[in-house]
Amino acid sequence: DYTVTVKNTGSVASDEVVLGFLIGKLPDTPQKELFDFGRVHLGPGESAIVHLSMPPEVLSSVGKDGLQEIQAREYEIQVADLRSRFIVEGESFKIFDLPNIKKRHAKRGRF
Protein backbone atom coordinates (compact mmCIF):
# COMPACT_ATOMS: atom_id res chain seq x y z
CA ASP A 1 0.00 0.00 0.00
CA TYR A 2 1.13 3.54 -0.75
CA THR A 3 0.12 6.79 0.92
CA VAL A 4 0.41 10.23 -0.69
CA THR A 5 -0.35 13.62 0.82
CA VAL A 6 -1.89 16.07 -1.65
CA LYS A 7 -2.18 19.81 -0.99
CA ASN A 8 -4.08 22.50 -2.86
CA THR A 9 -1.69 25.44 -2.93
CA GLY A 10 -4.07 27.56 -5.01
CA SER A 11 -6.84 29.95 -4.07
CA VAL A 12 -9.66 27.97 -5.76
CA ALA A 13 -11.23 24.65 -4.69
CA SER A 14 -10.48 21.79 -7.05
CA ASP A 15 -10.31 18.03 -7.45
CA GLU A 16 -7.02 16.19 -7.63
CA VAL A 17 -6.62 12.71 -9.10
CA VAL A 18 -3.61 10.72 -7.89
CA LEU A 19 -2.50 7.95 -10.27
CA GLY A 20 -0.30 4.99 -9.30
CA PHE A 21 1.65 3.27 -12.09
CA LEU A 22 3.81 0.17 -12.27
CA ILE A 23 6.73 1.00 -14.59
CA GLY A 24 7.62 -1.77 -17.05
CA LYS A 25 11.29 -2.59 -17.42
CA LEU A 26 11.06 -5.80 -19.46
CA PRO A 27 10.65 -6.06 -23.25
CA ASP A 28 7.22 -7.73 -23.19
CA THR A 29 5.64 -5.56 -20.48
CA PRO A 30 3.72 -2.28 -20.75
CA GLN A 31 5.84 0.84 -20.19
CA LYS A 32 3.30 2.03 -17.59
CA GLU A 33 0.40 0.15 -16.05
CA LEU A 34 -2.16 1.92 -13.86
CA PHE A 35 -2.59 -0.06 -10.62
CA ASP A 36 -4.79 2.31 -8.61
CA PHE A 37 -6.04 5.88 -8.36
CA GLY A 38 -7.67 8.16 -5.84
CA ARG A 39 -9.65 11.36 -6.25
CA VAL A 40 -10.07 14.05 -3.60
CA HIS A 41 -11.77 17.43 -3.50
CA LEU A 42 -9.66 20.11 -1.82
CA GLY A 43 -10.55 23.63 -0.81
CA PRO A 44 -7.94 26.38 -0.98
CA GLY A 45 -4.97 25.50 1.25
CA GLU A 46 -6.45 22.11 2.23
CA SER A 47 -4.54 18.85 2.13
CA ALA A 48 -5.64 15.22 2.16
CA ILE A 49 -4.10 11.77 2.33
CA VAL A 50 -4.73 9.43 -0.59
CA HIS A 51 -4.22 5.67 -0.18
CA LEU A 52 -3.33 3.49 -3.17
CA SER A 53 -3.24 -0.32 -3.18
CA MET A 54 -1.51 -2.62 -5.63
CA PRO A 55 -3.33 -5.93 -6.26
CA PRO A 56 -0.88 -8.85 -6.59
CA GLU A 57 -1.96 -9.64 -10.17
CA VAL A 58 -0.47 -6.30 -11.30
CA LEU A 59 2.98 -7.83 -10.74
CA SER A 60 2.15 -10.99 -12.66
CA SER A 61 2.85 -11.90 -16.24
CA VAL A 62 1.88 -14.93 -18.29
CA GLY A 63 4.69 -17.46 -18.58
CA LYS A 64 5.50 -19.75 -21.50
CA ASP A 65 3.26 -22.40 -19.92
CA GLY A 66 0.26 -20.03 -20.04
CA LEU A 67 0.07 -19.57 -16.26
CA GLN A 68 0.33 -16.30 -14.39
CA GLU A 69 3.52 -15.89 -12.42
CA ILE A 70 5.22 -13.26 -10.33
CA GLN A 71 8.89 -13.03 -11.18
CA ALA A 72 11.60 -12.44 -8.61
CA ARG A 73 13.10 -9.13 -9.79
CA GLU A 74 13.12 -5.38 -9.22
CA TYR A 75 9.89 -3.44 -9.75
CA GLU A 76 9.32 0.31 -9.91
CA ILE A 77 6.22 2.37 -9.17
CA GLN A 78 5.42 5.98 -9.98
CA VAL A 79 2.96 8.29 -8.22
CA ALA A 80 2.93 11.81 -9.72
CA ASP A 81 6.63 12.69 -10.11
CA LEU A 82 7.75 10.33 -7.31
CA ARG A 83 9.30 6.93 -8.07
CA SER A 84 10.05 4.04 -5.76
CA ARG A 85 11.65 0.63 -6.33
CA PHE A 86 11.13 -2.66 -4.55
CA ILE A 87 12.49 -6.16 -5.05
CA VAL A 88 10.64 -9.48 -5.01
CA GLU A 89 13.28 -11.94 -3.83
CA GLY A 90 13.53 -15.71 -4.01
CA GLU A 91 12.10 -17.87 -6.78
CA SER A 92 9.50 -16.77 -9.30
CA PHE A 93 6.18 -18.40 -8.47
CA LYS A 94 2.96 -19.31 -10.24
CA ILE A 95 -0.40 -17.87 -9.28
CA PHE A 96 -2.72 -20.86 -9.36
CA ASP A 97 -5.56 -19.59 -7.24
CA LEU A 98 -5.90 -15.84 -7.86
CA PRO A 99 -9.58 -15.66 -6.77
CA ASN A 100 -8.55 -16.76 -3.25
CA ILE A 101 -5.95 -13.98 -3.12
CA LYS A 102 -8.69 -11.50 -4.02
CA LYS A 103 -11.01 -12.92 -1.34
CA ARG A 104 -8.35 -12.51 1.39
CA HIS A 105 -7.64 -8.91 0.37
CA ALA A 106 -11.35 -8.11 -0.03
CA LYS A 107 -11.87 -9.04 3.62
CA ARG A 108 -9.32 -6.38 4.51
CA GLY A 109 -11.05 -3.82 2.29
CA ARG A 110 -8.31 -3.62 -0.33
CA PHE A 111 -10.17 -4.47 -3.54
C-alpha atoms as a PDB file:
ATOM      1  CA  ASP A   1       0.000   0.000   0.000  1.00  0.00           C
ATOM      2  CA  TYR A   2       1.126   3.541  -0.752  1.00  0.00           C
ATOM      3  CA  THR A   3       0.120   6.794   0.923  1.00  0.00           C
ATOM      4  CA  VAL A   4       0.408  10.227  -0.691  1.00  0.00           C
ATOM      5  CA  THR A   5      -0.347  13.623   0.824  1.00  0.00           C
ATOM      6  CA  VAL A   6      -1.889  16.073  -1.648  1.00  0.00           C
ATOM      7  CA  LYS A   7      -2.182  19.809  -0.990  1.00  0.00           C
ATOM      8  CA  ASN A   8      -4.078  22.501  -2.863  1.00  0.00           C
ATOM      9  CA  THR A   9      -1.695  25.442  -2.933  1.00  0.00           C
ATOM     10  CA  GLY A  10      -4.066  27.559  -5.015  1.00  0.00           C
ATOM     11  CA  SER A  11      -6.844  29.947  -4.070  1.00  0.00           C
ATOM     12  CA  VAL A  12      -9.665  27.974  -5.758  1.00  0.00           C
ATOM     13  CA  ALA A  13     -11.225  24.650  -4.692  1.00  0.00           C
ATOM     14  CA  SER A  14     -10.477  21.786  -7.046  1.00  0.00           C
ATOM     15  CA  ASP A  15     -10.312  18.028  -7.454  1.00  0.00           C
ATOM     16  CA  GLU A  16      -7.020  16.186  -7.625  1.00  0.00           C
ATOM     17  CA  VAL A  17      -6.619  12.709  -9.101  1.00  0.00           C
ATOM     18  CA  VAL A  18      -3.611  10.718  -7.893  1.00  0.00           C
ATOM     19  CA  LEU A  19      -2.500   7.950 -10.268  1.00  0.00           C
ATOM     20  CA  GLY A  20      -0.298   4.988  -9.297  1.00  0.00           C
ATOM     21  CA  PHE A  21       1.654   3.268 -12.085  1.00  0.00           C
ATOM     22  CA  LEU A  22       3.815   0.170 -12.267  1.00  0.00           C
ATOM     23  CA  ILE A  23       6.729   0.998 -14.590  1.00  0.00           C
ATOM     24  CA  GLY A  24       7.617  -1.771 -17.053  1.00  0.00           C
ATOM     25  CA  LYS A  25      11.286  -2.591 -17.422  1.00  0.00           C
ATOM     26  CA  LEU A  26      11.064  -5.798 -19.456  1.00  0.00           C
ATOM     27  CA  PRO A  27      10.654  -6.058 -23.254  1.00  0.00           C
ATOM     28  CA  ASP A  28       7.217  -7.727 -23.188  1.00  0.00           C
ATOM     29  CA  THR A  29       5.636  -5.560 -20.478  1.00  0.00           C
ATOM     30  CA  PRO A  30       3.715  -2.276 -20.747  1.00  0.00           C
ATOM     31  CA  GLN A  31       5.841   0.840 -20.195  1.00  0.00           C
ATOM     32  CA  LYS A  32       3.304   2.030 -17.587  1.00  0.00           C
ATOM     33  CA  GLU A  33       0.395   0.154 -16.053  1.00  0.00           C
ATOM     34  CA  LEU A  34      -2.155   1.922 -13.857  1.00  0.00           C
ATOM     35  CA  PHE A  35      -2.586  -0.061 -10.623  1.00  0.00           C
ATOM     36  CA  ASP A  36      -4.795   2.308  -8.607  1.00  0.00           C
ATOM     37  CA  PHE A  37      -6.041   5.877  -8.362  1.00  0.00           C
ATOM     38  CA  GLY A  38      -7.666   8.156  -5.842  1.00  0.00           C
ATOM     39  CA  ARG A  39      -9.646  11.362  -6.247  1.00  0.00           C
ATOM     40  CA  VAL A  40     -10.066  14.050  -3.602  1.00  0.00           C
ATOM     41  CA  HIS A  41     -11.769  17.433  -3.498  1.00  0.00           C
ATOM     42  CA  LEU A  42      -9.664  20.106  -1.819  1.00  0.00           C
ATOM     43  CA  GLY A  43     -10.548  23.629  -0.808  1.00  0.00           C
ATOM     44  CA  PRO A  44      -7.939  26.381  -0.979  1.00  0.00           C
ATOM     45  CA  GLY A  45      -4.971  25.502   1.252  1.00  0.00           C
ATOM     46  CA  GLU A  46      -6.447  22.106   2.229  1.00  0.00           C
ATOM     47  CA  SER A  47      -4.535  18.846   2.127  1.00  0.00           C
ATOM     48  CA  ALA A  48      -5.643  15.217   2.158  1.00  0.00           C
ATOM     49  CA  ILE A  49      -4.096  11.771   2.332  1.00  0.00           C
ATOM     50  CA  VAL A  50      -4.731   9.431  -0.594  1.00  0.00           C
ATOM     51  CA  HIS A  51      -4.220   5.673  -0.178  1.00  0.00           C
ATOM     52  CA  LEU A  52      -3.331   3.492  -3.170  1.00  0.00           C
ATOM     53  CA  SER A  53      -3.242  -0.322  -3.178  1.00  0.00           C
ATOM     54  CA  MET A  54      -1.515  -2.623  -5.627  1.00  0.00           C
ATOM     55  CA  PRO A  55      -3.329  -5.926  -6.259  1.00  0.00           C
ATOM     56  CA  PRO A  56      -0.880  -8.850  -6.595  1.00  0.00           C
ATOM     57  CA  GLU A  57      -1.958  -9.636 -10.168  1.00  0.00           C
ATOM     58  CA  VAL A  58      -0.468  -6.304 -11.302  1.00  0.00           C
ATOM     59  CA  LEU A  59       2.984  -7.827 -10.738  1.00  0.00           C
ATOM     60  CA  SER A  60       2.152 -10.987 -12.658  1.00  0.00           C
ATOM     61  CA  SER A  61       2.851 -11.900 -16.245  1.00  0.00           C
ATOM     62  CA  VAL A  62       1.875 -14.929 -18.290  1.00  0.00           C
ATOM     63  CA  GLY A  63       4.693 -17.459 -18.579  1.00  0.00           C
ATOM     64  CA  LYS A  64       5.497 -19.745 -21.500  1.00  0.00           C
ATOM     65  CA  ASP A  65       3.264 -22.401 -19.918  1.00  0.00           C
ATOM     66  CA  GLY A  66       0.262 -20.027 -20.039  1.00  0.00           C
ATOM     67  CA  LEU A  67       0.071 -19.572 -16.255  1.00  0.00           C
ATOM     68  CA  GLN A  68       0.328 -16.300 -14.390  1.00  0.00           C
ATOM     69  CA  GLU A  69       3.522 -15.886 -12.418  1.00  0.00           C
ATOM     70  CA  ILE A  70       5.222 -13.259 -10.325  1.00  0.00           C
ATOM     71  CA  GLN A  71       8.887 -13.025 -11.183  1.00  0.00           C
ATOM     72  CA  ALA A  72      11.598 -12.437  -8.615  1.00  0.00           C
ATOM     73  CA  ARG A  73      13.098  -9.126  -9.791  1.00  0.00           C
ATOM     74  CA  GLU A  74      13.119  -5.384  -9.220  1.00  0.00           C
ATOM     75  CA  TYR A  75       9.887  -3.441  -9.749  1.00  0.00           C
ATOM     76  CA  GLU A  76       9.325   0.305  -9.906  1.00  0.00           C
ATOM     77  CA  ILE A  77       6.224   2.367  -9.168  1.00  0.00           C
ATOM     78  CA  GLN A  78       5.415   5.981  -9.978  1.00  0.00           C
ATOM     79  CA  VAL A  79       2.959   8.288  -8.216  1.00  0.00           C
ATOM     80  CA  ALA A  80       2.935  11.805  -9.717  1.00  0.00           C
ATOM     81  CA  ASP A  81       6.630  12.687 -10.111  1.00  0.00           C
ATOM     82  CA  LEU A  82       7.750  10.327  -7.310  1.00  0.00           C
ATOM     83  CA  ARG A  83       9.299   6.934  -8.073  1.00  0.00           C
ATOM     84  CA  SER A  84      10.053   4.042  -5.757  1.00  0.00           C
ATOM     85  CA  ARG A  85      11.647   0.634  -6.334  1.00  0.00           C
ATOM     86  CA  PHE A  86      11.132  -2.657  -4.551  1.00  0.00           C
ATOM     87  CA  ILE A  87      12.488  -6.163  -5.052  1.00  0.00           C
ATOM     88  CA  VAL A  88      10.644  -9.480  -5.012  1.00  0.00           C
ATOM     89  CA  GLU A  89      13.281 -11.943  -3.834  1.00  0.00           C
ATOM     90  CA  GLY A  90      13.526 -15.710  -4.014  1.00  0.00           C
ATOM     91  CA  GLU A  91      12.105 -17.875  -6.781  1.00  0.00           C
ATOM     92  CA  SER A  92       9.499 -16.774  -9.300  1.00  0.00           C
ATOM     93  CA  PHE A  93       6.175 -18.395  -8.470  1.00  0.00           C
ATOM     94  CA  LYS A  94       2.959 -19.308 -10.235  1.00  0.00           C
ATOM     95  CA  ILE A  95      -0.400 -17.870  -9.279  1.00  0.00           C
ATOM     96  CA  PHE A  96      -2.722 -20.862  -9.364  1.00  0.00           C
ATOM     97  CA  ASP A  97      -5.565 -19.588  -7.237  1.00  0.00           C
ATOM     98  CA  LEU A  98      -5.904 -15.844  -7.864  1.00  0.00           C
ATOM     99  CA  PRO A  99      -9.580 -15.665  -6.772  1.00  0.00           C
ATOM    100  CA  ASN A 100      -8.553 -16.757  -3.250  1.00  0.00           C
ATOM    101  CA  ILE A 101      -5.951 -13.983  -3.119  1.00  0.00           C
ATOM    102  CA  LYS A 102      -8.690 -11.497  -4.025  1.00  0.00           C
ATOM    103  CA  LYS A 103     -11.010 -12.916  -1.341  1.00  0.00           C
ATOM    104  CA  ARG A 104      -8.351 -12.513   1.391  1.00  0.00           C
ATOM    105  CA  HIS A 105      -7.635  -8.913   0.370  1.00  0.00           C
ATOM    106  CA  ALA A 106     -11.349  -8.107  -0.025  1.00  0.00           C
ATOM    107  CA  LYS A 107     -11.875  -9.039   3.621  1.00  0.00           C
ATOM    108  CA  ARG A 108      -9.318  -6.381   4.510  1.00  0.00           C
ATOM    109  CA  GLY A 109     -11.054  -3.819   2.287  1.00  0.00           C
ATOM    110  CA  ARG A 110      -8.308  -3.624  -0.330  1.00  0.00           C
ATOM    111  CA  PHE A 111     -10.171  -4.473  -3.541  1.00  0.00           C
END
